Amino acid sequence: MATREIHLELLLGKQVLDSTGKSVGRIEEVRAQERGEEWVIEEYLIGTTAVLERLSAWTIGLRILHLFGAHKIHGGYTISWEQLDLTDPEKPRLLCSLDDLKALDTSKK
């Protein structure tokens, strides 16, 4: 497998498109794991809950949203590294259907 370097700060906020060109959300957070001297991307998070995770504001953020009546919050999705095409980092695309993505859990406390 070829190694590629992409500046993560440039990916944050980018719209992720599905195979039809429809937006499925913005990249809000990236999860990586340290392997030796390198960090390897494991997954990308998109959606409202991903923003809260990036800001480390799960508890208070969800409580505030619930206060304003948002009881059914669509949290977003987790996209594994192999499900995202970054050939053009300006226009990340899903390599799978939206149904194949794991929904983010909005019940974290």
N, C-alpha and C. Protein backbone atom coordinates (compact mmCIF):
# COMPACT_ATOMS: atom_id res chain seq x y z
N MET A 1 0.85 -1.17 0.00
CA MET A 1 0.00 0.00 0.00
C MET A 1 0.90 1.24 0.00
N ALA A 2 0.60 2.18 -0.87
CA ALA A 2 1.37 3.42 -0.95
C ALA A 2 1.02 4.33 0.22
N THR A 3 2.03 5.02 0.73
CA THR A 3 1.84 5.96 1.82
C THR A 3 1.64 7.34 1.24
N ARG A 4 0.67 8.08 1.83
CA ARG A 4 0.39 9.43 1.39
C ARG A 4 0.32 10.34 2.59
N GLU A 5 0.76 11.56 2.42
CA GLU A 5 0.63 12.55 3.46
C GLU A 5 -0.37 13.60 3.03
N ILE A 6 -1.31 13.89 3.93
CA ILE A 6 -2.30 14.92 3.69
C ILE A 6 -2.36 15.76 4.97
N HIS A 7 -2.40 17.05 4.82
CA HIS A 7 -2.49 17.92 5.98
C HIS A 7 -3.91 17.86 6.54
N LEU A 8 -4.05 17.27 7.73
CA LEU A 8 -5.37 17.06 8.32
C LEU A 8 -6.13 18.37 8.52
N GLU A 9 -5.41 19.42 8.89
CA GLU A 9 -6.10 20.69 9.13
C GLU A 9 -6.81 21.19 7.88
N LEU A 10 -6.36 20.76 6.71
CA LEU A 10 -7.01 21.16 5.47
C LEU A 10 -8.24 20.30 5.17
N LEU A 11 -8.34 19.12 5.80
CA LEU A 11 -9.50 18.25 5.60
C LEU A 11 -10.68 18.64 6.50
N LEU A 12 -10.38 19.20 7.68
CA LEU A 12 -11.45 19.56 8.60
C LEU A 12 -12.39 20.58 7.97
N GLY A 13 -13.66 20.29 8.04
CA GLY A 13 -14.67 21.16 7.47
C GLY A 13 -15.01 20.87 6.02
N LYS A 14 -14.29 19.96 5.38
CA LYS A 14 -14.57 19.62 3.98
C LYS A 14 -15.85 18.78 3.88
N GLN A 15 -16.66 19.10 2.88
CA GLN A 15 -17.87 18.33 2.61
C GLN A 15 -17.48 16.95 2.08
N VAL A 16 -18.10 15.92 2.60
CA VAL A 16 -17.92 14.56 2.08
C VAL A 16 -19.10 14.28 1.16
N LEU A 17 -18.80 13.82 -0.04
CA LEU A 17 -19.82 13.54 -1.03
C LEU A 17 -20.03 12.04 -1.18
N ASP A 18 -21.27 11.65 -1.49
CA ASP A 18 -21.51 10.24 -1.78
C ASP A 18 -21.24 9.99 -3.26
N SER A 19 -21.52 8.80 -3.74
CA SER A 19 -21.22 8.45 -5.13
C SER A 19 -22.02 9.25 -6.14
N THR A 20 -23.14 9.84 -5.71
CA THR A 20 -23.96 10.65 -6.62
C THR A 20 -23.60 12.13 -6.56
N GLY A 21 -22.65 12.49 -5.70
CA GLY A 21 -22.25 13.89 -5.57
C GLY A 21 -23.02 14.64 -4.50
N LYS A 22 -23.90 13.94 -3.76
CA LYS A 22 -24.68 14.56 -2.70
C LYS A 22 -23.84 14.64 -1.41
N SER A 23 -23.94 15.76 -0.71
CA SER A 23 -23.21 15.94 0.53
C SER A 23 -23.80 15.06 1.63
N VAL A 24 -22.92 14.39 2.38
CA VAL A 24 -23.37 13.58 3.52
C VAL A 24 -22.93 14.20 4.84
N GLY A 25 -22.19 15.27 4.79
CA GLY A 25 -21.72 15.96 5.99
C GLY A 25 -20.30 16.47 5.82
N ARG A 26 -19.83 17.15 6.84
CA ARG A 26 -18.47 17.70 6.83
C ARG A 26 -17.57 16.91 7.77
N ILE A 27 -16.31 16.80 7.42
CA ILE A 27 -15.34 16.15 8.30
C ILE A 27 -15.12 17.09 9.48
N GLU A 28 -15.47 16.61 10.67
CA GLU A 28 -15.35 17.43 11.87
C GLU A 28 -14.26 16.94 12.81
N GLU A 29 -13.92 15.67 12.70
CA GLU A 29 -12.93 15.09 13.61
C GLU A 29 -12.25 13.93 12.92
N VAL A 30 -11.01 13.67 13.31
CA VAL A 30 -10.25 12.55 12.77
C VAL A 30 -9.68 11.77 13.94
N ARG A 31 -9.84 10.46 13.91
CA ARG A 31 -9.27 9.60 14.95
C ARG A 31 -8.08 8.87 14.36
N ALA A 32 -6.98 8.90 15.10
CA ALA A 32 -5.75 8.26 14.64
C ALA A 32 -5.13 7.48 15.79
N GLN A 33 -4.26 6.55 15.44
CA GLN A 33 -3.56 5.75 16.44
C GLN A 33 -2.07 5.83 16.15
N GLU A 34 -1.30 5.95 17.20
CA GLU A 34 0.15 5.99 17.05
C GLU A 34 0.68 4.57 16.82
N ARG A 35 1.47 4.43 15.76
CA ARG A 35 2.11 3.15 15.45
C ARG A 35 3.58 3.41 15.21
N GLY A 36 4.36 3.11 16.22
CA GLY A 36 5.79 3.41 16.14
C GLY A 36 6.00 4.90 16.14
N GLU A 37 6.64 5.40 15.10
CA GLU A 37 6.92 6.83 15.00
C GLU A 37 5.88 7.57 14.16
N GLU A 38 4.86 6.85 13.70
CA GLU A 38 3.85 7.46 12.83
C GLU A 38 2.47 7.43 13.48
N TRP A 39 1.62 8.31 13.00
CA TRP A 39 0.21 8.30 13.36
C TRP A 39 -0.56 7.83 12.14
N VAL A 40 -1.45 6.86 12.35
CA VAL A 40 -2.21 6.28 11.25
C VAL A 40 -3.69 6.60 11.45
N ILE A 41 -4.32 7.14 10.42
CA ILE A 41 -5.74 7.48 10.48
C ILE A 41 -6.57 6.21 10.56
N GLU A 42 -7.49 6.17 11.51
CA GLU A 42 -8.39 5.04 11.64
C GLU A 42 -9.78 5.38 11.12
N GLU A 43 -10.26 6.60 11.44
CA GLU A 43 -11.59 6.97 10.98
C GLU A 43 -11.79 8.48 11.01
N TYR A 44 -12.80 8.90 10.25
CA TYR A 44 -13.20 10.30 10.16
C TYR A 44 -14.61 10.40 10.73
N LEU A 45 -14.92 11.50 11.41
CA LEU A 45 -16.25 11.70 11.96
C LEU A 45 -16.90 12.88 11.26
N ILE A 46 -18.18 12.70 10.91
CA ILE A 46 -18.92 13.80 10.29
C ILE A 46 -20.23 13.98 11.04
N GLY A 47 -20.73 15.21 11.08
CA GLY A 47 -22.02 15.49 11.69
C GLY A 47 -21.96 16.27 12.99
N THR A 48 -23.14 16.55 13.56
CA THR A 48 -23.29 17.37 14.76
C THR A 48 -22.53 16.80 15.95
N THR A 49 -22.68 15.52 16.20
CA THR A 49 -22.01 14.90 17.33
C THR A 49 -20.50 14.95 17.16
N ALA A 50 -20.03 14.87 15.93
CA ALA A 50 -18.60 14.96 15.67
C ALA A 50 -18.05 16.32 16.07
N VAL A 51 -18.83 17.38 15.85
CA VAL A 51 -18.41 18.73 16.26
C VAL A 51 -18.26 18.77 17.77
N LEU A 52 -19.24 18.20 18.48
CA LEU A 52 -19.17 18.19 19.94
C LEU A 52 -17.97 17.40 20.43
N GLU A 53 -17.67 16.30 19.75
CA GLU A 53 -16.51 15.50 20.15
C GLU A 53 -15.22 16.29 19.92
N ARG A 54 -15.14 16.99 18.80
CA ARG A 54 -13.95 17.77 18.51
C ARG A 54 -13.74 18.84 19.57
N LEU A 55 -14.82 19.41 20.04
CA LEU A 55 -14.73 20.45 21.06
C LEU A 55 -14.70 19.88 22.48
N SER A 56 -14.69 18.55 22.59
CA SER A 56 -14.73 17.86 23.88
C SER A 56 -15.87 18.38 24.74
N ALA A 57 -17.02 18.52 24.12
CA ALA A 57 -18.17 19.11 24.79
C ALA A 57 -19.39 18.21 24.77
N TRP A 58 -19.18 16.90 24.84
CA TRP A 58 -20.29 15.95 24.75
C TRP A 58 -21.41 16.27 25.73
N THR A 59 -21.08 16.23 27.01
CA THR A 59 -22.10 16.33 28.03
C THR A 59 -22.85 17.64 27.98
N ILE A 60 -22.13 18.72 28.05
CA ILE A 60 -22.80 20.02 28.06
C ILE A 60 -23.46 20.33 26.73
N GLY A 61 -22.81 19.96 25.63
CA GLY A 61 -23.37 20.23 24.31
C GLY A 61 -24.68 19.52 24.09
N LEU A 62 -24.73 18.24 24.42
CA LEU A 62 -25.97 17.48 24.24
C LEU A 62 -27.07 17.98 25.18
N ARG A 63 -26.70 18.36 26.40
CA ARG A 63 -27.70 18.89 27.33
C ARG A 63 -28.28 20.19 26.80
N ILE A 64 -27.44 21.05 26.26
CA ILE A 64 -27.93 22.31 25.70
C ILE A 64 -28.86 22.05 24.52
N LEU A 65 -28.46 21.13 23.64
CA LEU A 65 -29.32 20.80 22.50
C LEU A 65 -30.66 20.24 22.98
N HIS A 66 -30.64 19.40 24.02
CA HIS A 66 -31.88 18.85 24.56
C HIS A 66 -32.75 19.95 25.17
N LEU A 67 -32.10 20.92 25.82
CA LEU A 67 -32.83 22.06 26.40
C LEU A 67 -33.61 22.83 25.34
N PHE A 68 -33.05 22.92 24.15
CA PHE A 68 -33.70 23.64 23.06
C PHE A 68 -34.65 22.75 22.25
N GLY A 69 -34.91 21.56 22.77
CA GLY A 69 -35.91 20.70 22.15
C GLY A 69 -35.38 19.70 21.15
N ALA A 70 -34.08 19.61 21.01
CA ALA A 70 -33.50 18.66 20.06
C ALA A 70 -33.33 17.31 20.74
N HIS A 71 -34.42 16.57 20.85
CA HIS A 71 -34.36 15.29 21.55
C HIS A 71 -33.92 14.15 20.64
N LYS A 72 -34.18 14.27 19.36
CA LYS A 72 -33.72 13.27 18.40
C LYS A 72 -32.64 13.92 17.55
N ILE A 73 -31.43 13.80 18.01
CA ILE A 73 -30.31 14.44 17.34
C ILE A 73 -29.68 13.45 16.38
N HIS A 74 -29.60 13.83 15.11
CA HIS A 74 -28.89 12.99 14.15
C HIS A 74 -27.41 13.30 14.37
N GLY A 75 -26.71 12.38 14.97
CA GLY A 75 -25.35 12.63 15.39
C GLY A 75 -24.33 12.69 14.29
N GLY A 76 -24.51 11.95 13.25
CA GLY A 76 -23.51 11.90 12.21
C GLY A 76 -23.02 10.48 12.01
N TYR A 77 -21.86 10.37 11.39
CA TYR A 77 -21.35 9.06 11.01
C TYR A 77 -19.85 8.94 11.26
N THR A 78 -19.43 7.70 11.41
CA THR A 78 -18.02 7.35 11.46
C THR A 78 -17.68 6.75 10.10
N ILE A 79 -16.63 7.27 9.49
CA ILE A 79 -16.17 6.76 8.20
C ILE A 79 -14.79 6.16 8.40
N SER A 80 -14.66 4.86 8.20
CA SER A 80 -13.33 4.24 8.35
C SER A 80 -12.43 4.73 7.22
N TRP A 81 -11.14 4.66 7.45
CA TRP A 81 -10.19 5.22 6.48
C TRP A 81 -10.35 4.61 5.11
N GLU A 82 -10.72 3.32 5.03
CA GLU A 82 -10.83 2.68 3.73
C GLU A 82 -12.15 2.99 3.02
N GLN A 83 -13.06 3.70 3.69
CA GLN A 83 -14.35 4.07 3.09
C GLN A 83 -14.33 5.48 2.48
N LEU A 84 -13.18 6.16 2.56
CA LEU A 84 -13.11 7.54 2.08
C LEU A 84 -12.03 7.69 1.03
N ASP A 85 -12.41 8.21 -0.13
CA ASP A 85 -11.49 8.48 -1.23
C ASP A 85 -10.95 9.90 -1.09
N LEU A 86 -9.66 10.01 -0.85
CA LEU A 86 -9.02 11.31 -0.70
C LEU A 86 -8.11 11.62 -1.88
N THR A 87 -8.39 11.01 -3.03
CA THR A 87 -7.61 11.30 -4.23
C THR A 87 -7.59 12.79 -4.49
N ASP A 88 -8.75 13.44 -4.33
CA ASP A 88 -8.84 14.90 -4.39
C ASP A 88 -9.25 15.36 -3.00
N PRO A 89 -8.28 15.78 -2.16
CA PRO A 89 -8.59 16.18 -0.78
C PRO A 89 -9.57 17.34 -0.67
N GLU A 90 -9.76 18.09 -1.75
CA GLU A 90 -10.73 19.18 -1.75
C GLU A 90 -12.16 18.65 -1.84
N LYS A 91 -12.31 17.43 -2.36
CA LYS A 91 -13.63 16.83 -2.54
C LYS A 91 -13.60 15.36 -2.11
N PRO A 92 -13.52 15.12 -0.80
CA PRO A 92 -13.53 13.73 -0.32
C PRO A 92 -14.83 13.03 -0.71
N ARG A 93 -14.72 11.77 -1.12
CA ARG A 93 -15.89 11.00 -1.57
C ARG A 93 -15.96 9.67 -0.84
N LEU A 94 -17.19 9.26 -0.55
CA LEU A 94 -17.41 7.94 0.04
C LEU A 94 -17.14 6.87 -1.00
N LEU A 95 -16.57 5.77 -0.55
CA LEU A 95 -16.36 4.61 -1.41
C LEU A 95 -17.41 3.54 -1.11
N CYS A 96 -18.40 3.90 -0.32
CA CYS A 96 -19.46 2.98 0.07
C CYS A 96 -20.77 3.77 0.10
N SER A 97 -21.85 3.09 0.42
CA SER A 97 -23.12 3.80 0.54
C SER A 97 -23.26 4.37 1.95
N LEU A 98 -24.14 5.33 2.11
CA LEU A 98 -24.39 5.93 3.41
C LEU A 98 -24.86 4.87 4.40
N ASP A 99 -25.59 3.89 3.92
CA ASP A 99 -26.09 2.80 4.77
C ASP A 99 -24.96 1.95 5.35
N ASP A 100 -23.79 1.97 4.72
CA ASP A 100 -22.66 1.18 5.20
C ASP A 100 -21.90 1.87 6.33
N LEU A 101 -22.21 3.13 6.59
CA LEU A 101 -21.50 3.89 7.63
C LEU A 101 -22.09 3.61 8.99
N LYS A 102 -21.24 3.69 10.00
CA LYS A 102 -21.68 3.50 11.38
C LYS A 102 -22.17 4.84 11.92
N ALA A 103 -23.38 4.86 12.47
CA ALA A 103 -23.92 6.09 13.05
C ALA A 103 -23.20 6.40 14.36
N LEU A 104 -22.94 7.70 14.58
CA LEU A 104 -22.33 8.12 15.84
C LEU A 104 -23.35 8.04 16.95
N ASP A 105 -22.91 7.66 18.12
CA ASP A 105 -23.76 7.50 19.29
C ASP A 105 -23.98 8.87 19.96
N THR A 106 -25.24 9.30 20.09
CA THR A 106 -25.54 10.57 20.72
C THR A 106 -25.90 10.40 22.19
N SER A 107 -25.73 9.21 22.73
CA SER A 107 -26.10 8.98 24.12
C SER A 107 -24.92 9.06 25.08
N LYS A 108 -23.75 9.48 24.59
CA LYS A 108 -22.58 9.58 25.47
C LYS A 108 -22.85 10.56 26.58
N LYS A 109 -22.34 10.25 27.75
CA LYS A 109 -22.56 11.12 28.90
C LYS A 109 -21.25 11.55 29.48
